[in-house]
Every structure is written in C-alpha cells, then in structure tokens.
Full PDB file with SEQRES, HELIX, SHEET, SSBOND, CRYST1, ORIGX, SCALE, CONECT and MASTER records, all heavy atoms in Angstrom:
SEQRES   1 A   36  TRP LEU PRO VAL TRP ILE GLY SER THR LEU GLY MET VAL          
SEQRES   2 A   36  ALA ALA ASP ALA ILE ALA ILE VAL LEU GLY ALA VAL LEU          
SEQRES   3 A   36  GLY LYS LYS LEU PRO GLU ARG ALA ILE ARG                      
HELIX    1 AA1 LEU A    2  GLY A   27  1                                  26    
HELIX    2 AA2 GLU A   32  ILE A   35  1                                   4    
CRYST1    1.000    1.000    1.000  90.00  90.00  90.00 P 1           1          
ORIGX1      1.000000  0.000000  0.000000        0.00000                         
ORIGX2      0.000000  1.000000  0.000000        0.00000                         
ORIGX3      0.000000  0.000000  1.000000        0.00000                         
SCALE1      1.000000  0.000000  0.000000        0.00000                         
SCALE2      0.000000  1.000000  0.000000        0.00000                         
SCALE3      0.000000  0.000000  1.000000        0.00000                         
ATOM      1  N   TRP A   1      91.463  70.024 137.639  1.00  0.00           N  
ATOM      2  CA  TRP A   1      90.337  70.868 138.082  1.00  0.00           C  
ATOM      3  C   TRP A   1      90.521  72.335 137.860  1.00  0.00           C  
ATOM      4  O   TRP A   1      89.560  73.025 137.548  1.00  0.00           O  
ATOM      5  CB  TRP A   1      90.056  70.588 139.559  1.00  0.00           C  
ATOM      6  CG  TRP A   1      91.068  71.138 140.528  1.00  0.00           C  
ATOM      7  CD1 TRP A   1      92.177  70.492 140.972  1.00  0.00           C  
ATOM      8  CD2 TRP A   1      91.121  72.408 141.103  1.00  0.00           C  
ATOM      9  NE1 TRP A   1      92.920  71.309 141.803  1.00  0.00           N  
ATOM     10  CE2 TRP A   1      92.263  72.502 141.887  1.00  0.00           C  
ATOM     11  CE3 TRP A   1      90.304  73.551 141.028  1.00  0.00           C  
ATOM     12  CZ2 TRP A   1      92.624  73.689 142.606  1.00  0.00           C  
ATOM     13  CZ3 TRP A   1      90.623  74.683 141.706  1.00  0.00           C  
ATOM     14  CH2 TRP A   1      91.776  74.732 142.515  1.00  0.00           C  
ATOM     15  N   LEU A   2      91.700  72.870 138.012  1.00  0.00           N  
ATOM     16  CA  LEU A   2      91.918  74.328 137.929  1.00  0.00           C  
ATOM     17  C   LEU A   2      91.624  74.893 136.516  1.00  0.00           C  
ATOM     18  O   LEU A   2      90.802  75.818 136.423  1.00  0.00           O  
ATOM     19  CB  LEU A   2      93.306  74.711 138.354  1.00  0.00           C  
ATOM     20  CG  LEU A   2      93.609  76.196 138.405  1.00  0.00           C  
ATOM     21  CD1 LEU A   2      92.639  76.936 139.373  1.00  0.00           C  
ATOM     22  CD2 LEU A   2      95.068  76.467 138.833  1.00  0.00           C  
ATOM     23  N   PRO A   3      92.206  74.331 135.444  1.00  0.00           N  
ATOM     24  CA  PRO A   3      91.823  74.919 134.148  1.00  0.00           C  
ATOM     25  C   PRO A   3      90.341  74.652 133.801  1.00  0.00           C  
ATOM     26  O   PRO A   3      89.765  75.497 133.088  1.00  0.00           O  
ATOM     27  CB  PRO A   3      92.780  74.228 133.203  1.00  0.00           C  
ATOM     28  CG  PRO A   3      93.241  73.014 133.906  1.00  0.00           C  
ATOM     29  CD  PRO A   3      93.207  73.327 135.355  1.00  0.00           C  
ATOM     30  N   VAL A   4      89.790  73.573 134.252  1.00  0.00           N  
ATOM     31  CA  VAL A   4      88.392  73.306 134.013  1.00  0.00           C  
ATOM     32  C   VAL A   4      87.508  74.326 134.697  1.00  0.00           C  
ATOM     33  O   VAL A   4      86.538  74.839 134.119  1.00  0.00           O  
ATOM     34  CB  VAL A   4      87.996  71.847 134.376  1.00  0.00           C  
ATOM     35  CG1 VAL A   4      86.510  71.642 134.268  1.00  0.00           C  
ATOM     36  CG2 VAL A   4      88.718  70.853 133.499  1.00  0.00           C  
ATOM     37  N   TRP A   5      87.873  74.621 135.931  1.00  0.00           N  
ATOM     38  CA  TRP A   5      87.082  75.613 136.685  1.00  0.00           C  
ATOM     39  C   TRP A   5      87.114  76.995 136.026  1.00  0.00           C  
ATOM     40  O   TRP A   5      86.146  77.616 135.782  1.00  0.00           O  
ATOM     41  CB  TRP A   5      87.601  75.672 138.157  1.00  0.00           C  
ATOM     42  CG  TRP A   5      86.925  76.673 139.004  1.00  0.00           C  
ATOM     43  CD1 TRP A   5      85.565  76.849 139.166  1.00  0.00           C  
ATOM     44  CD2 TRP A   5      87.558  77.681 139.843  1.00  0.00           C  
ATOM     45  NE1 TRP A   5      85.327  77.893 140.033  1.00  0.00           N  
ATOM     46  CE2 TRP A   5      86.546  78.416 140.488  1.00  0.00           C  
ATOM     47  CE3 TRP A   5      88.886  77.997 140.104  1.00  0.00           C  
ATOM     48  CZ2 TRP A   5      86.817  79.494 141.361  1.00  0.00           C  
ATOM     49  CZ3 TRP A   5      89.132  79.014 140.965  1.00  0.00           C  
ATOM     50  CH2 TRP A   5      88.120  79.739 141.608  1.00  0.00           C  
ATOM     51  N   ILE A   6      88.355  77.428 135.702  1.00  0.00           N  
ATOM     52  CA  ILE A   6      88.512  78.744 135.023  1.00  0.00           C  
ATOM     53  C   ILE A   6      87.823  78.732 133.696  1.00  0.00           C  
ATOM     54  O   ILE A   6      87.068  79.695 133.383  1.00  0.00           O  
ATOM     55  CB  ILE A   6      90.025  79.059 134.926  1.00  0.00           C  
ATOM     56  CG1 ILE A   6      90.675  79.279 136.288  1.00  0.00           C  
ATOM     57  CG2 ILE A   6      90.181  80.339 134.065  1.00  0.00           C  
ATOM     58  CD1 ILE A   6      92.160  79.365 136.270  1.00  0.00           C  
ATOM     59  N   GLY A   7      88.026  77.753 132.891  1.00  0.00           N  
ATOM     60  CA  GLY A   7      87.511  77.653 131.527  1.00  0.00           C  
ATOM     61  C   GLY A   7      85.962  77.556 131.548  1.00  0.00           C  
ATOM     62  O   GLY A   7      85.323  78.231 130.738  1.00  0.00           O  
ATOM     63  N   SER A   8      85.415  76.745 132.417  1.00  0.00           N  
ATOM     64  CA  SER A   8      83.984  76.622 132.449  1.00  0.00           C  
ATOM     65  C   SER A   8      83.297  77.916 132.883  1.00  0.00           C  
ATOM     66  O   SER A   8      82.234  78.286 132.367  1.00  0.00           O  
ATOM     67  CB  SER A   8      83.508  75.479 133.371  1.00  0.00           C  
ATOM     68  OG  SER A   8      83.875  75.724 134.710  1.00  0.00           O  
ATOM     69  N   THR A   9      83.921  78.618 133.810  1.00  0.00           N  
ATOM     70  CA  THR A   9      83.403  79.930 134.279  1.00  0.00           C  
ATOM     71  C   THR A   9      83.486  80.941 133.114  1.00  0.00           C  
ATOM     72  O   THR A   9      82.497  81.653 132.841  1.00  0.00           O  
ATOM     73  CB  THR A   9      84.169  80.431 135.491  1.00  0.00           C  
ATOM     74  OG1 THR A   9      84.030  79.451 136.527  1.00  0.00           O  
ATOM     75  CG2 THR A   9      83.597  81.755 135.977  1.00  0.00           C  
ATOM     76  N   LEU A  10      84.597  81.001 132.421  1.00  0.00           N  
ATOM     77  CA  LEU A  10      84.745  81.942 131.261  1.00  0.00           C  
ATOM     78  C   LEU A  10      83.754  81.584 130.145  1.00  0.00           C  
ATOM     79  O   LEU A  10      83.144  82.512 129.553  1.00  0.00           O  
ATOM     80  CB  LEU A  10      86.164  81.840 130.751  1.00  0.00           C  
ATOM     81  CG  LEU A  10      87.277  82.460 131.641  1.00  0.00           C  
ATOM     82  CD1 LEU A  10      88.669  82.203 131.014  1.00  0.00           C  
ATOM     83  CD2 LEU A  10      87.050  83.936 131.855  1.00  0.00           C  
ATOM     84  N   GLY A  11      83.568  80.311 129.842  1.00  0.00           N  
ATOM     85  CA  GLY A  11      82.641  79.894 128.797  1.00  0.00           C  
ATOM     86  C   GLY A  11      81.210  80.290 129.100  1.00  0.00           C  
ATOM     87  O   GLY A  11      80.461  80.779 128.249  1.00  0.00           O  
ATOM     88  N   MET A  12      80.855  80.131 130.398  1.00  0.00           N  
ATOM     89  CA  MET A  12      79.485  80.424 130.818  1.00  0.00           C  
ATOM     90  C   MET A  12      79.235  81.942 130.721  1.00  0.00           C  
ATOM     91  O   MET A  12      78.208  82.405 130.242  1.00  0.00           O  
ATOM     92  CB  MET A  12      79.327  79.949 132.240  1.00  0.00           C  
ATOM     93  CG  MET A  12      77.961  80.176 132.827  1.00  0.00           C  
ATOM     94  SD  MET A  12      76.900  78.890 132.298  1.00  0.00           S  
ATOM     95  CE  MET A  12      75.630  79.053 133.503  1.00  0.00           C  
ATOM     96  N   VAL A  13      80.188  82.711 131.266  1.00  0.00           N  
ATOM     97  CA  VAL A  13      80.058  84.186 131.261  1.00  0.00           C  
ATOM     98  C   VAL A  13      80.012  84.712 129.813  1.00  0.00           C  
ATOM     99  O   VAL A  13      79.216  85.616 129.492  1.00  0.00           O  
ATOM    100  CB  VAL A  13      81.155  84.859 132.089  1.00  0.00           C  
ATOM    101  CG1 VAL A  13      81.116  86.347 131.930  1.00  0.00           C  
ATOM    102  CG2 VAL A  13      81.029  84.486 133.592  1.00  0.00           C  
ATOM    103  N   ALA A  14      80.835  84.174 128.932  1.00  0.00           N  
ATOM    104  CA  ALA A  14      80.848  84.595 127.526  1.00  0.00           C  
ATOM    105  C   ALA A  14      79.494  84.326 126.862  1.00  0.00           C  
ATOM    106  O   ALA A  14      78.946  85.205 126.180  1.00  0.00           O  
ATOM    107  CB  ALA A  14      81.957  83.892 126.776  1.00  0.00           C  
ATOM    108  N   ALA A  15      78.909  83.142 127.110  1.00  0.00           N  
ATOM    109  CA  ALA A  15      77.623  82.839 126.523  1.00  0.00           C  
ATOM    110  C   ALA A  15      76.515  83.691 127.083  1.00  0.00           C  
ATOM    111  O   ALA A  15      75.633  84.184 126.294  1.00  0.00           O  
ATOM    112  CB  ALA A  15      77.266  81.345 126.682  1.00  0.00           C  
ATOM    113  N   ASP A  16      76.553  83.950 128.371  1.00  0.00           N  
ATOM    114  CA  ASP A  16      75.519  84.725 128.967  1.00  0.00           C  
ATOM    115  C   ASP A  16      75.647  86.254 128.666  1.00  0.00           C  
ATOM    116  O   ASP A  16      74.674  86.979 128.704  1.00  0.00           O  
ATOM    117  CB  ASP A  16      75.471  84.517 130.495  1.00  0.00           C  
ATOM    118  CG  ASP A  16      74.854  83.119 130.811  1.00  0.00           C  
ATOM    119  OD1 ASP A  16      74.063  82.645 130.024  1.00  0.00           O  
ATOM    120  OD2 ASP A  16      75.198  82.592 131.859  1.00  0.00           O  
ATOM    121  N   ALA A  17      76.879  86.666 128.400  1.00  0.00           N  
ATOM    122  CA  ALA A  17      77.129  88.109 128.027  1.00  0.00           C  
ATOM    123  C   ALA A  17      76.334  88.423 126.755  1.00  0.00           C  
ATOM    124  O   ALA A  17      75.810  89.486 126.590  1.00  0.00           O  
ATOM    125  CB  ALA A  17      78.605  88.360 127.842  1.00  0.00           C  
ATOM    126  N   ILE A  18      76.281  87.439 125.829  1.00  0.00           N  
ATOM    127  CA  ILE A  18      75.484  87.653 124.644  1.00  0.00           C  
ATOM    128  C   ILE A  18      74.024  87.924 125.017  1.00  0.00           C  
ATOM    129  O   ILE A  18      73.401  88.856 124.469  1.00  0.00           O  
ATOM    130  CB  ILE A  18      75.614  86.412 123.692  1.00  0.00           C  
ATOM    131  CG1 ILE A  18      77.016  86.279 123.170  1.00  0.00           C  
ATOM    132  CG2 ILE A  18      74.604  86.501 122.565  1.00  0.00           C  
ATOM    133  CD1 ILE A  18      77.314  84.949 122.483  1.00  0.00           C  
ATOM    134  N   ALA A  19      73.468  87.119 125.919  1.00  0.00           N  
ATOM    135  CA  ALA A  19      72.048  87.294 126.332  1.00  0.00           C  
ATOM    136  C   ALA A  19      71.896  88.594 127.112  1.00  0.00           C  
ATOM    137  O   ALA A  19      70.841  89.267 126.961  1.00  0.00           O  
ATOM    138  CB  ALA A  19      71.647  86.127 127.228  1.00  0.00           C  
ATOM    139  N   ILE A  20      72.872  89.001 127.842  1.00  0.00           N  
ATOM    140  CA  ILE A  20      72.815  90.267 128.638  1.00  0.00           C  
ATOM    141  C   ILE A  20      72.707  91.472 127.691  1.00  0.00           C  
ATOM    142  O   ILE A  20      71.925  92.354 127.904  1.00  0.00           O  
ATOM    143  CB  ILE A  20      74.011  90.384 129.600  1.00  0.00           C  
ATOM    144  CG1 ILE A  20      73.854  89.326 130.717  1.00  0.00           C  
ATOM    145  CG2 ILE A  20      74.141  91.789 130.188  1.00  0.00           C  
ATOM    146  CD1 ILE A  20      75.118  89.134 131.527  1.00  0.00           C  
ATOM    147  N   VAL A  21      73.556  91.431 126.664  1.00  0.00           N  
ATOM    148  CA  VAL A  21      73.506  92.558 125.696  1.00  0.00           C  
ATOM    149  C   VAL A  21      72.158  92.598 125.010  1.00  0.00           C  
ATOM    150  O   VAL A  21      71.519  93.684 124.883  1.00  0.00           O  
ATOM    151  CB  VAL A  21      74.654  92.392 124.660  1.00  0.00           C  
ATOM    152  CG1 VAL A  21      74.460  93.336 123.478  1.00  0.00           C  
ATOM    153  CG2 VAL A  21      76.016  92.583 125.308  1.00  0.00           C  
ATOM    154  N   LEU A  22      71.655  91.460 124.564  1.00  0.00           N  
ATOM    155  CA  LEU A  22      70.301  91.449 123.922  1.00  0.00           C  
ATOM    156  C   LEU A  22      69.217  91.895 124.881  1.00  0.00           C  
ATOM    157  O   LEU A  22      68.345  92.658 124.531  1.00  0.00           O  
ATOM    158  CB  LEU A  22      69.957  90.023 123.453  1.00  0.00           C  
ATOM    159  CG  LEU A  22      70.744  89.594 122.210  1.00  0.00           C  
ATOM    160  CD1 LEU A  22      70.420  88.060 121.943  1.00  0.00           C  
ATOM    161  CD2 LEU A  22      70.451  90.428 121.014  1.00  0.00           C  
ATOM    162  N   GLY A  23      69.301  91.445 126.160  1.00  0.00           N  
ATOM    163  CA  GLY A  23      68.340  91.855 127.144  1.00  0.00           C  
ATOM    164  C   GLY A  23      68.384  93.346 127.435  1.00  0.00           C  
ATOM    165  O   GLY A  23      67.334  94.006 127.595  1.00  0.00           O  
ATOM    166  N   ALA A  24      69.586  93.891 127.499  1.00  0.00           N  
ATOM    167  CA  ALA A  24      69.693  95.323 127.752  1.00  0.00           C  
ATOM    168  C   ALA A  24      69.192  96.165 126.648  1.00  0.00           C  
ATOM    169  O   ALA A  24      68.497  97.185 126.853  1.00  0.00           O  
ATOM    170  CB  ALA A  24      71.172  95.705 128.022  1.00  0.00           C  
ATOM    171  N   VAL A  25      69.345  95.704 125.386  1.00  0.00           N  
ATOM    172  CA  VAL A  25      68.878  96.404 124.193  1.00  0.00           C  
ATOM    173  C   VAL A  25      67.386  96.306 124.120  1.00  0.00           C  
ATOM    174  O   VAL A  25      66.660  97.311 123.944  1.00  0.00           O  
ATOM    175  CB  VAL A  25      69.577  95.900 122.930  1.00  0.00           C  
ATOM    176  CG1 VAL A  25      68.867  96.446 121.707  1.00  0.00           C  
ATOM    177  CG2 VAL A  25      71.020  96.270 122.931  1.00  0.00           C  
ATOM    178  N   LEU A  26      66.822  95.107 124.254  1.00  0.00           N  
ATOM    179  CA  LEU A  26      65.411  94.902 124.166  1.00  0.00           C  
ATOM    180  C   LEU A  26      64.648  95.474 125.367  1.00  0.00           C  
ATOM    181  O   LEU A  26      63.519  95.908 125.218  1.00  0.00           O  
ATOM    182  CB  LEU A  26      65.067  93.403 124.060  1.00  0.00           C  
ATOM    183  CG  LEU A  26      65.551  92.698 122.754  1.00  0.00           C  
ATOM    184  CD1 LEU A  26      65.242  91.222 122.846  1.00  0.00           C  
ATOM    185  CD2 LEU A  26      64.892  93.313 121.573  1.00  0.00           C  
ATOM    186  N   GLY A  27      65.286  95.493 126.512  1.00  0.00           N  
ATOM    187  CA  GLY A  27      64.598  95.944 127.705  1.00  0.00           C  
ATOM    188  C   GLY A  27      64.193  97.395 127.663  1.00  0.00           C  
ATOM    189  O   GLY A  27      63.248  97.811 128.317  1.00  0.00           O  
ATOM    190  N   LYS A  28      64.901  98.194 126.960  1.00  0.00           N  
ATOM    191  CA  LYS A  28      64.645  99.610 126.831  1.00  0.00           C  
ATOM    192  C   LYS A  28      63.370  99.829 125.982  1.00  0.00           C  
ATOM    193  O   LYS A  28      62.799 100.864 126.017  1.00  0.00           O  
ATOM    194  CB  LYS A  28      65.822 100.348 126.248  1.00  0.00           C  
ATOM    195  CG  LYS A  28      67.035 100.394 127.136  1.00  0.00           C  
ATOM    196  CD  LYS A  28      68.188 101.061 126.455  1.00  0.00           C  
ATOM    197  CE  LYS A  28      69.399 101.255 127.292  1.00  0.00           C  
ATOM    198  NZ  LYS A  28      69.782 100.348 128.309  1.00  0.00           N  
ATOM    199  N   LYS A  29      62.963  98.829 125.230  1.00  0.00           N  
ATOM    200  CA  LYS A  29      61.846  98.973 124.362  1.00  0.00           C  
ATOM    201  C   LYS A  29      60.598  98.237 124.866  1.00  0.00           C  
ATOM    202  O   LYS A  29      59.537  98.295 124.279  1.00  0.00           O  
ATOM    203  CB  LYS A  29      62.185  98.442 122.964  1.00  0.00           C  
ATOM    204  CG  LYS A  29      63.328  99.229 122.303  1.00  0.00           C  
ATOM    205  CD  LYS A  29      63.669  98.602 121.006  1.00  0.00           C  
ATOM    206  CE  LYS A  29      64.685  99.269 120.154  1.00  0.00           C  
ATOM    207  NZ  LYS A  29      65.680 100.078 120.501  1.00  0.00           N  
ATOM    208  N   LEU A  30      60.726  97.475 125.943  1.00  0.00           N  
ATOM    209  CA  LEU A  30      59.625  96.680 126.461  1.00  0.00           C  
ATOM    210  C   LEU A  30      59.017  97.347 127.730  1.00  0.00           C  
ATOM    211  O   LEU A  30      59.764  97.807 128.576  1.00  0.00           O  
ATOM    212  CB  LEU A  30      60.103  95.272 126.834  1.00  0.00           C  
ATOM    213  CG  LEU A  30      60.599  94.400 125.658  1.00  0.00           C  
ATOM    214  CD1 LEU A  30      61.167  93.117 126.211  1.00  0.00           C  
ATOM    215  CD2 LEU A  30      59.433  94.110 124.724  1.00  0.00           C  
ATOM    216  N   PRO A  31      57.709  97.272 127.872  1.00  0.00           N  
ATOM    217  CA  PRO A  31      57.111  97.829 129.076  1.00  0.00           C  
ATOM    218  C   PRO A  31      57.422  96.887 130.306  1.00  0.00           C  
ATOM    219  O   PRO A  31      57.606  95.687 130.119  1.00  0.00           O  
ATOM    220  CB  PRO A  31      55.589  97.826 128.766  1.00  0.00           C  
ATOM    221  CG  PRO A  31      55.412  96.918 127.650  1.00  0.00           C  
ATOM    222  CD  PRO A  31      56.723  96.842 126.918  1.00  0.00           C  
ATOM    223  N   GLU A  32      57.452  97.473 131.518  1.00  0.00           N  
ATOM    224  CA  GLU A  32      57.838  96.711 132.711  1.00  0.00           C  
ATOM    225  C   GLU A  32      56.899  95.518 132.921  1.00  0.00           C  
ATOM    226  O   GLU A  32      57.315  94.462 133.345  1.00  0.00           O  
ATOM    227  CB  GLU A  32      57.808  97.637 133.922  1.00  0.00           C  
ATOM    228  CG  GLU A  32      58.308  96.941 135.173  1.00  0.00           C  
ATOM    229  CD  GLU A  32      58.350  97.875 136.339  1.00  0.00           C  
ATOM    230  OE1 GLU A  32      58.525  99.087 136.134  1.00  0.00           O  
ATOM    231  OE2 GLU A  32      58.315  97.375 137.488  1.00  0.00           O  
ATOM    232  N   ARG A  33      55.596  95.727 132.687  1.00  0.00           N  
ATOM    233  CA  ARG A  33      54.682  94.604 132.880  1.00  0.00           C  
ATOM    234  C   ARG A  33      55.003  93.434 131.948  1.00  0.00           C  
ATOM    235  O   ARG A  33      54.934  92.242 132.383  1.00  0.00           O  
ATOM    236  CB  ARG A  33      53.241  95.070 132.632  1.00  0.00           C  
ATOM    237  CG  ARG A  33      52.197  94.027 132.810  1.00  0.00           C  
ATOM    238  CD  ARG A  33      50.790  94.664 132.764  1.00  0.00           C  
ATOM    239  NE  ARG A  33      49.721  93.684 132.577  1.00  0.00           N  
ATOM    240  CZ  ARG A  33      49.258  92.897 133.543  1.00  0.00           C  
ATOM    241  NH1 ARG A  33      49.785  92.943 134.760  1.00  0.00           N  
ATOM    242  NH2 ARG A  33      48.316  92.003 133.264  1.00  0.00           N  
ATOM    243  N   ALA A  34      55.306  93.694 130.696  1.00  0.00           N  
ATOM    244  CA  ALA A  34      55.659  92.635 129.770  1.00  0.00           C  
ATOM    245  C   ALA A  34      56.917  91.912 130.231  1.00  0.00           C  
ATOM    246  O   ALA A  34      57.022  90.693 130.123  1.00  0.00           O  
ATOM    247  CB  ALA A  34      55.841  93.202 128.351  1.00  0.00           C  
ATOM    248  N   ILE A  35      57.879  92.696 130.733  1.00  0.00           N  
ATOM    249  CA  ILE A  35      59.131  92.085 131.243  1.00  0.00           C  
ATOM    250  C   ILE A  35      58.821  91.161 132.393  1.00  0.00           C  
ATOM    251  O   ILE A  35      59.309  90.015 132.486  1.00  0.00           O  
ATOM    252  CB  ILE A  35      60.166  93.159 131.602  1.00  0.00           C  
ATOM    253  CG1 ILE A  35      60.586  93.904 130.355  1.00  0.00           C  
ATOM    254  CG2 ILE A  35      61.360  92.590 132.318  1.00  0.00           C  
ATOM    255  CD1 ILE A  35      61.342  95.186 130.630  1.00  0.00           C  
ATOM    256  N   ARG A  36      57.982  91.663 133.326  1.00  0.00           N  
ATOM    257  CA  ARG A  36      57.667  90.877 134.544  1.00  0.00           C  
ATOM    258  C   ARG A  36      56.941  89.599 134.156  1.00  0.00           C  
ATOM    259  O   ARG A  36      57.255  88.495 134.671  1.00  0.00           O  
ATOM    260  CB  ARG A  36      56.821  91.707 135.504  1.00  0.00           C  
ATOM    261  CG  ARG A  36      56.577  91.062 136.805  1.00  0.00           C  
ATOM    262  CD  ARG A  36      56.050  92.007 137.862  1.00  0.00           C  
ATOM    263  NE  ARG A  36      55.079  92.922 137.430  1.00  0.00           N  
ATOM    264  CZ  ARG A  36      53.782  92.898 137.651  1.00  0.00           C  
ATOM    265  NH1 ARG A  36      53.275  91.912 138.368  1.00  0.00           N  
ATOM    266  NH2 ARG A  36      52.942  93.842 137.200  1.00  0.00           N  
TER     267      ARG A  36                                                      
MASTER        0    0    0    2    0    0    0    6  266    1    0    3          
END                                                                             
C-alpha cells in the first residue's frame, strides 16, 4: 500500500500539473464569464 499510495498521488499531481499550467496560461486570455 505505501508505494502505491505515494506513486498514485505523484502520478495524479503530475498529470494535473499539465492541466494547471494550460489553465493558468489560457485563463489570462479568457473573460471571466466564459470561464464561469
């Protein structure tokens, strides 16, 4: 369980970090209403 817990958390955060970077870049160019 321990390496699976650590590894699954790291894998999830790594995949979502990609989306976070894209969201942060695109968010500066999108109006708040469109985002909502």
